[in-house]
Amino acid sequence: MFTLRNILIAMLLFFVAIYFLLTSYFSDVQINKYPDLQAVKEDKAIEKGWVPDMLPDSAYDIEETHDLDTNQLFGRFYYKEADEGSIMEKLTIVPDMNQTYEWKAYLFKVDREKNQVKYRNKPLSAE
């Protein structure tokens, strides 16, 4: 037999399930892909803070993912080998972080064999 308590618990569980379904379905995560630096500039992704403004002119196959709810940002780009020096001179090694570099509000991992840079925004407590 259904008691008032059981009905209230069922309603609560229903609304909690609906809440989680809606928040996951209507997530504020956005993924953008750009063929080159010019496309990044046209989309104003640098001005929005989604892509660092230190990308070399040769940057290509640029991707960024940002979550407006959590303010997390992840990205990646490739570069031509000739620009490796100009990239590395802007970055500063972060002590005790396993070859992680920093520049302004970003953290970077550089794969020199693939000519690839992965970046993310610093956690708010690190800024």
N, C-alpha and C. Protein backbone atom coordinates (compact mmCIF):
# COMPACT_ATOMS: atom_id res chain seq x y z
N MET A 1 0.85 -1.18 0.00
CA MET A 1 0.00 0.00 0.00
C MET A 1 0.89 1.23 0.00
N PHE A 2 0.45 2.24 -0.73
CA PHE A 2 1.21 3.48 -0.83
C PHE A 2 0.88 4.38 0.36
N THR A 3 1.94 4.78 1.05
CA THR A 3 1.75 5.74 2.14
C THR A 3 2.19 7.11 1.64
N LEU A 4 1.81 8.11 2.36
CA LEU A 4 2.19 9.47 2.00
C LEU A 4 3.71 9.60 1.97
N ARG A 5 4.36 8.95 2.89
CA ARG A 5 5.82 9.00 2.95
C ARG A 5 6.43 8.38 1.68
N ASN A 6 5.94 7.25 1.25
CA ASN A 6 6.45 6.60 0.04
C ASN A 6 6.20 7.45 -1.20
N ILE A 7 5.05 8.09 -1.27
CA ILE A 7 4.72 8.96 -2.41
C ILE A 7 5.67 10.15 -2.43
N LEU A 8 5.93 10.76 -1.27
CA LEU A 8 6.84 11.91 -1.20
C LEU A 8 8.26 11.50 -1.59
N ILE A 9 8.71 10.36 -1.15
CA ILE A 9 10.04 9.87 -1.52
C ILE A 9 10.12 9.62 -3.02
N ALA A 10 9.09 9.01 -3.59
CA ALA A 10 9.06 8.75 -5.02
C ALA A 10 9.08 10.06 -5.81
N MET A 11 8.31 11.04 -5.35
CA MET A 11 8.30 12.35 -6.03
C MET A 11 9.67 13.02 -5.94
N LEU A 12 10.29 12.95 -4.79
CA LEU A 12 11.61 13.54 -4.61
C LEU A 12 12.63 12.88 -5.53
N LEU A 13 12.62 11.55 -5.59
CA LEU A 13 13.53 10.84 -6.47
C LEU A 13 13.27 11.18 -7.93
N PHE A 14 12.01 11.31 -8.30
CA PHE A 14 11.66 11.69 -9.67
C PHE A 14 12.24 13.05 -10.03
N PHE A 15 12.05 14.04 -9.15
CA PHE A 15 12.53 15.39 -9.45
C PHE A 15 14.06 15.47 -9.42
N VAL A 16 14.69 14.70 -8.56
CA VAL A 16 16.16 14.65 -8.55
C VAL A 16 16.66 14.06 -9.86
N ALA A 17 16.04 12.99 -10.33
CA ALA A 17 16.43 12.36 -11.60
C ALA A 17 16.23 13.33 -12.77
N ILE A 18 15.11 14.04 -12.78
CA ILE A 18 14.85 15.03 -13.83
C ILE A 18 15.90 16.13 -13.79
N TYR A 19 16.26 16.59 -12.61
CA TYR A 19 17.27 17.65 -12.47
C TYR A 19 18.59 17.19 -13.09
N PHE A 20 19.05 15.99 -12.74
CA PHE A 20 20.32 15.51 -13.27
C PHE A 20 20.26 15.27 -14.77
N LEU A 21 19.15 14.80 -15.27
CA LEU A 21 19.01 14.62 -16.72
C LEU A 21 19.07 15.95 -17.45
N LEU A 22 18.37 16.94 -16.93
CA LEU A 22 18.35 18.25 -17.59
C LEU A 22 19.71 18.95 -17.51
N THR A 23 20.37 18.87 -16.36
CA THR A 23 21.67 19.55 -16.25
C THR A 23 22.73 18.88 -17.11
N SER A 24 22.66 17.58 -17.28
CA SER A 24 23.64 16.93 -18.15
C SER A 24 23.29 17.16 -19.62
N TYR A 25 22.03 17.23 -19.96
CA TYR A 25 21.61 17.45 -21.34
C TYR A 25 21.88 18.88 -21.78
N PHE A 26 21.66 19.84 -20.91
CA PHE A 26 21.84 21.25 -21.24
C PHE A 26 23.15 21.78 -20.65
N SER A 27 24.18 21.02 -20.75
CA SER A 27 25.49 21.41 -20.24
C SER A 27 26.03 22.60 -21.02
N ASP A 28 26.82 23.40 -20.35
CA ASP A 28 27.43 24.57 -20.98
C ASP A 28 28.84 24.29 -21.47
N VAL A 29 29.09 23.04 -21.90
CA VAL A 29 30.39 22.69 -22.46
C VAL A 29 30.35 22.95 -23.96
N GLN A 30 31.36 23.66 -24.43
CA GLN A 30 31.44 23.97 -25.86
C GLN A 30 32.80 23.53 -26.38
N ILE A 31 32.81 22.90 -27.54
CA ILE A 31 34.04 22.46 -28.19
C ILE A 31 34.16 23.20 -29.51
N ASN A 32 35.32 23.83 -29.71
CA ASN A 32 35.57 24.55 -30.96
C ASN A 32 36.84 24.02 -31.60
N LYS A 33 36.81 23.89 -32.92
CA LYS A 33 37.97 23.44 -33.68
C LYS A 33 38.25 24.48 -34.76
N TYR A 34 39.53 24.80 -34.88
CA TYR A 34 39.96 25.82 -35.84
C TYR A 34 41.10 25.27 -36.69
N PRO A 35 41.07 25.53 -37.98
CA PRO A 35 42.15 25.01 -38.84
C PRO A 35 43.47 25.77 -38.64
N ASP A 36 43.37 27.07 -38.28
CA ASP A 36 44.59 27.86 -38.15
C ASP A 36 44.33 29.07 -37.23
N LEU A 37 45.38 29.86 -37.02
CA LEU A 37 45.29 31.01 -36.13
C LEU A 37 44.32 32.06 -36.64
N GLN A 38 44.22 32.22 -37.94
CA GLN A 38 43.29 33.20 -38.51
C GLN A 38 41.85 32.88 -38.12
N ALA A 39 41.48 31.63 -38.14
CA ALA A 39 40.12 31.23 -37.75
C ALA A 39 39.87 31.50 -36.27
N VAL A 40 40.90 31.31 -35.44
CA VAL A 40 40.78 31.63 -34.00
C VAL A 40 40.51 33.11 -33.82
N LYS A 41 41.24 33.93 -34.56
CA LYS A 41 41.07 35.39 -34.45
C LYS A 41 39.69 35.82 -34.95
N GLU A 42 39.21 35.21 -36.02
CA GLU A 42 37.89 35.55 -36.56
C GLU A 42 36.79 35.22 -35.57
N ASP A 43 36.95 34.15 -34.81
CA ASP A 43 35.96 33.74 -33.81
C ASP A 43 36.13 34.49 -32.49
N LYS A 44 37.19 35.30 -32.41
CA LYS A 44 37.50 36.08 -31.19
C LYS A 44 37.73 35.17 -29.97
N ALA A 45 38.24 33.97 -30.21
CA ALA A 45 38.47 33.01 -29.12
C ALA A 45 39.57 33.48 -28.18
N ILE A 46 40.53 34.23 -28.69
CA ILE A 46 41.58 34.78 -27.82
C ILE A 46 40.99 35.84 -26.91
N GLU A 47 40.19 36.73 -27.47
CA GLU A 47 39.55 37.79 -26.68
C GLU A 47 38.64 37.20 -25.60
N LYS A 48 38.00 36.09 -25.90
CA LYS A 48 37.11 35.44 -24.94
C LYS A 48 37.88 34.67 -23.86
N GLY A 49 39.20 34.51 -24.04
CA GLY A 49 40.02 33.80 -23.07
C GLY A 49 40.05 32.30 -23.27
N TRP A 50 39.55 31.81 -24.40
CA TRP A 50 39.49 30.37 -24.65
C TRP A 50 40.78 29.84 -25.26
N VAL A 51 41.54 30.72 -25.90
CA VAL A 51 42.80 30.35 -26.53
C VAL A 51 43.84 31.38 -26.10
N PRO A 52 45.02 30.94 -25.66
CA PRO A 52 46.05 31.89 -25.25
C PRO A 52 46.55 32.71 -26.44
N ASP A 53 46.91 33.95 -26.18
CA ASP A 53 47.34 34.82 -27.29
C ASP A 53 48.82 34.66 -27.62
N MET A 54 49.43 33.59 -27.16
CA MET A 54 50.84 33.35 -27.46
C MET A 54 51.04 32.33 -28.58
N LEU A 55 49.95 31.92 -29.25
CA LEU A 55 50.08 30.95 -30.33
C LEU A 55 50.92 31.53 -31.45
N PRO A 56 51.81 30.71 -32.01
CA PRO A 56 52.61 31.20 -33.14
C PRO A 56 51.76 31.28 -34.40
N ASP A 57 52.25 32.02 -35.37
CA ASP A 57 51.52 32.15 -36.64
C ASP A 57 51.33 30.81 -37.32
N SER A 58 52.22 29.86 -37.07
CA SER A 58 52.12 28.56 -37.73
C SER A 58 51.15 27.61 -37.04
N ALA A 59 50.52 28.03 -35.94
CA ALA A 59 49.60 27.14 -35.20
C ALA A 59 48.50 26.64 -36.14
N TYR A 60 48.21 25.35 -36.01
CA TYR A 60 47.15 24.76 -36.84
C TYR A 60 46.47 23.64 -36.07
N ASP A 61 45.36 23.17 -36.59
CA ASP A 61 44.59 22.09 -35.96
C ASP A 61 44.36 22.42 -34.48
N ILE A 62 43.80 23.59 -34.25
CA ILE A 62 43.61 24.13 -32.91
C ILE A 62 42.24 23.70 -32.39
N GLU A 63 42.24 23.16 -31.18
CA GLU A 63 40.98 22.75 -30.54
C GLU A 63 40.94 23.35 -29.14
N GLU A 64 39.76 23.72 -28.73
CA GLU A 64 39.57 24.16 -27.34
C GLU A 64 38.21 23.71 -26.86
N THR A 65 38.17 23.34 -25.60
CA THR A 65 36.94 22.93 -24.93
C THR A 65 36.81 23.74 -23.67
N HIS A 66 35.68 24.40 -23.51
CA HIS A 66 35.48 25.17 -22.28
C HIS A 66 34.10 24.89 -21.70
N ASP A 67 34.05 24.95 -20.39
CA ASP A 67 32.82 24.71 -19.64
C ASP A 67 32.47 25.99 -18.92
N LEU A 68 31.40 26.62 -19.33
CA LEU A 68 31.00 27.89 -18.72
C LEU A 68 30.55 27.73 -17.28
N ASP A 69 30.05 26.55 -16.92
CA ASP A 69 29.60 26.32 -15.55
C ASP A 69 30.77 26.22 -14.57
N THR A 70 31.81 25.49 -14.95
CA THR A 70 32.93 25.26 -14.04
C THR A 70 34.13 26.15 -14.33
N ASN A 71 34.09 26.87 -15.44
CA ASN A 71 35.19 27.74 -15.88
C ASN A 71 36.46 26.93 -16.18
N GLN A 72 36.30 25.68 -16.59
CA GLN A 72 37.44 24.87 -16.99
C GLN A 72 37.66 25.00 -18.48
N LEU A 73 38.92 24.99 -18.86
CA LEU A 73 39.30 25.19 -20.25
C LEU A 73 40.44 24.23 -20.58
N PHE A 74 40.30 23.53 -21.70
CA PHE A 74 41.33 22.64 -22.19
C PHE A 74 41.50 22.90 -23.68
N GLY A 75 42.74 22.81 -24.16
CA GLY A 75 42.97 23.03 -25.58
C GLY A 75 44.22 22.35 -26.06
N ARG A 76 44.40 22.39 -27.38
CA ARG A 76 45.55 21.77 -28.02
C ARG A 76 45.78 22.46 -29.35
N PHE A 77 47.04 22.55 -29.72
CA PHE A 77 47.37 23.01 -31.07
C PHE A 77 48.69 22.39 -31.50
N TYR A 78 48.90 22.38 -32.79
CA TYR A 78 50.15 21.94 -33.38
C TYR A 78 50.86 23.15 -33.96
N TYR A 79 52.16 23.05 -34.12
CA TYR A 79 52.94 24.16 -34.65
C TYR A 79 54.03 23.61 -35.55
N LYS A 80 54.57 24.49 -36.39
CA LYS A 80 55.70 24.10 -37.24
C LYS A 80 56.97 24.19 -36.40
N GLU A 81 57.87 23.28 -36.65
CA GLU A 81 59.09 23.16 -35.84
C GLU A 81 59.87 24.48 -35.75
N ALA A 82 59.83 25.28 -36.78
CA ALA A 82 60.56 26.55 -36.78
C ALA A 82 60.09 27.48 -35.67
N ASP A 83 58.87 27.32 -35.19
CA ASP A 83 58.32 28.21 -34.15
C ASP A 83 58.51 27.68 -32.73
N GLU A 84 59.16 26.53 -32.58
CA GLU A 84 59.31 25.95 -31.25
C GLU A 84 60.06 26.89 -30.29
N GLY A 85 61.11 27.52 -30.78
CA GLY A 85 61.89 28.42 -29.94
C GLY A 85 61.08 29.60 -29.43
N SER A 86 60.26 30.19 -30.29
CA SER A 86 59.45 31.34 -29.87
C SER A 86 58.38 30.94 -28.87
N ILE A 87 57.90 29.70 -28.97
CA ILE A 87 56.91 29.22 -27.99
C ILE A 87 57.60 29.02 -26.65
N MET A 88 58.72 28.31 -26.66
CA MET A 88 59.39 27.94 -25.41
C MET A 88 59.94 29.15 -24.66
N GLU A 89 60.32 30.20 -25.38
CA GLU A 89 60.85 31.38 -24.68
C GLU A 89 59.77 32.13 -23.90
N LYS A 90 58.52 31.92 -24.23
CA LYS A 90 57.42 32.57 -23.51
C LYS A 90 57.03 31.79 -22.25
N LEU A 91 57.33 30.50 -22.23
CA LEU A 91 56.87 29.63 -21.15
C LEU A 91 57.90 29.55 -20.02
N THR A 92 57.38 29.39 -18.82
CA THR A 92 58.21 29.21 -17.63
C THR A 92 57.87 27.86 -17.02
N ILE A 93 58.92 27.10 -16.67
CA ILE A 93 58.70 25.78 -16.07
C ILE A 93 58.06 25.95 -14.69
N VAL A 94 57.11 25.07 -14.38
CA VAL A 94 56.47 25.06 -13.06
C VAL A 94 57.20 24.01 -12.23
N PRO A 95 57.82 24.41 -11.12
CA PRO A 95 58.54 23.43 -10.30
C PRO A 95 57.61 22.32 -9.79
N ASP A 96 58.13 21.11 -9.74
CA ASP A 96 57.43 19.95 -9.19
C ASP A 96 56.13 19.61 -9.91
N MET A 97 56.03 19.92 -11.19
CA MET A 97 54.79 19.59 -11.92
C MET A 97 55.09 18.79 -13.19
N ASN A 98 56.16 17.98 -13.20
CA ASN A 98 56.41 17.04 -14.27
C ASN A 98 56.39 17.67 -15.66
N GLN A 99 57.32 18.57 -15.90
CA GLN A 99 57.47 19.22 -17.20
C GLN A 99 56.24 20.01 -17.64
N THR A 100 55.62 20.67 -16.69
CA THR A 100 54.51 21.56 -16.99
C THR A 100 55.04 22.99 -17.02
N TYR A 101 54.56 23.75 -17.98
CA TYR A 101 54.98 25.14 -18.13
C TYR A 101 53.79 26.04 -17.84
N GLU A 102 54.08 27.30 -17.58
CA GLU A 102 53.00 28.26 -17.37
C GLU A 102 53.27 29.53 -18.17
N TRP A 103 52.21 30.23 -18.43
CA TRP A 103 52.26 31.53 -19.08
C TRP A 103 50.92 32.19 -18.78
N LYS A 104 50.98 33.33 -18.15
CA LYS A 104 49.79 34.06 -17.72
C LYS A 104 48.83 33.12 -16.97
N ALA A 105 47.60 32.98 -17.42
CA ALA A 105 46.59 32.19 -16.69
C ALA A 105 46.48 30.76 -17.21
N TYR A 106 47.52 30.28 -17.91
CA TYR A 106 47.47 28.96 -18.54
C TYR A 106 48.61 28.06 -18.08
N LEU A 107 48.35 26.75 -18.13
CA LEU A 107 49.37 25.72 -17.93
C LEU A 107 49.53 24.97 -19.24
N PHE A 108 50.77 24.56 -19.55
CA PHE A 108 51.06 23.94 -20.84
C PHE A 108 51.86 22.66 -20.67
N LYS A 109 51.61 21.71 -21.59
CA LYS A 109 52.44 20.53 -21.78
C LYS A 109 52.89 20.57 -23.24
N VAL A 110 54.19 20.48 -23.46
CA VAL A 110 54.73 20.57 -24.81
C VAL A 110 55.31 19.21 -25.21
N ASP A 111 54.84 18.70 -26.34
CA ASP A 111 55.38 17.47 -26.91
C ASP A 111 56.20 17.88 -28.13
N ARG A 112 57.52 17.94 -27.94
CA ARG A 112 58.40 18.42 -29.00
C ARG A 112 58.52 17.43 -30.16
N GLU A 113 58.28 16.16 -29.91
CA GLU A 113 58.33 15.17 -31.00
C GLU A 113 57.15 15.33 -31.95
N LYS A 114 55.99 15.64 -31.41
CA LYS A 114 54.79 15.80 -32.23
C LYS A 114 54.54 17.25 -32.63
N ASN A 115 55.35 18.20 -32.09
CA ASN A 115 55.11 19.63 -32.28
C ASN A 115 53.69 19.98 -31.84
N GLN A 116 53.36 19.52 -30.64
CA GLN A 116 52.01 19.69 -30.11
C GLN A 116 52.09 20.36 -28.73
N VAL A 117 51.17 21.25 -28.49
CA VAL A 117 51.05 21.88 -27.19
C VAL A 117 49.63 21.66 -26.68
N LYS A 118 49.53 21.16 -25.45
CA LYS A 118 48.24 21.05 -24.78
C LYS A 118 48.22 22.10 -23.69
N TYR A 119 47.09 22.74 -23.51
CA TYR A 119 47.00 23.78 -22.50
C TYR A 119 45.69 23.68 -21.74
N ARG A 120 45.69 24.31 -20.59
CA ARG A 120 44.47 24.43 -19.78
C ARG A 120 44.62 25.68 -18.94
N ASN A 121 43.50 26.15 -18.45
CA ASN A 121 43.58 27.30 -17.58
C ASN A 121 44.02 26.85 -16.20
N LYS A 122 44.69 27.76 -15.49
CA LYS A 122 45.13 27.44 -14.13
C LYS A 122 43.90 27.36 -13.24
N PRO A 123 43.95 26.49 -12.24
CA PRO A 123 42.87 26.48 -11.24
C PRO A 123 42.82 27.86 -10.58
N LEU A 124 41.64 28.28 -10.17
CA LEU A 124 41.50 29.61 -9.59
C LEU A 124 42.41 29.83 -8.40
N SER A 125 42.66 28.80 -7.60
CA SER A 125 43.52 28.95 -6.43
C SER A 125 44.97 29.15 -6.80
N ALA A 126 45.37 28.79 -8.04
CA ALA A 126 46.77 28.91 -8.47
C ALA A 126 47.09 30.27 -9.05
N GLU A 127 46.08 31.08 -9.34
CA GLU A 127 46.34 32.37 -9.98
C GLU A 127 46.70 33.41 -8.98
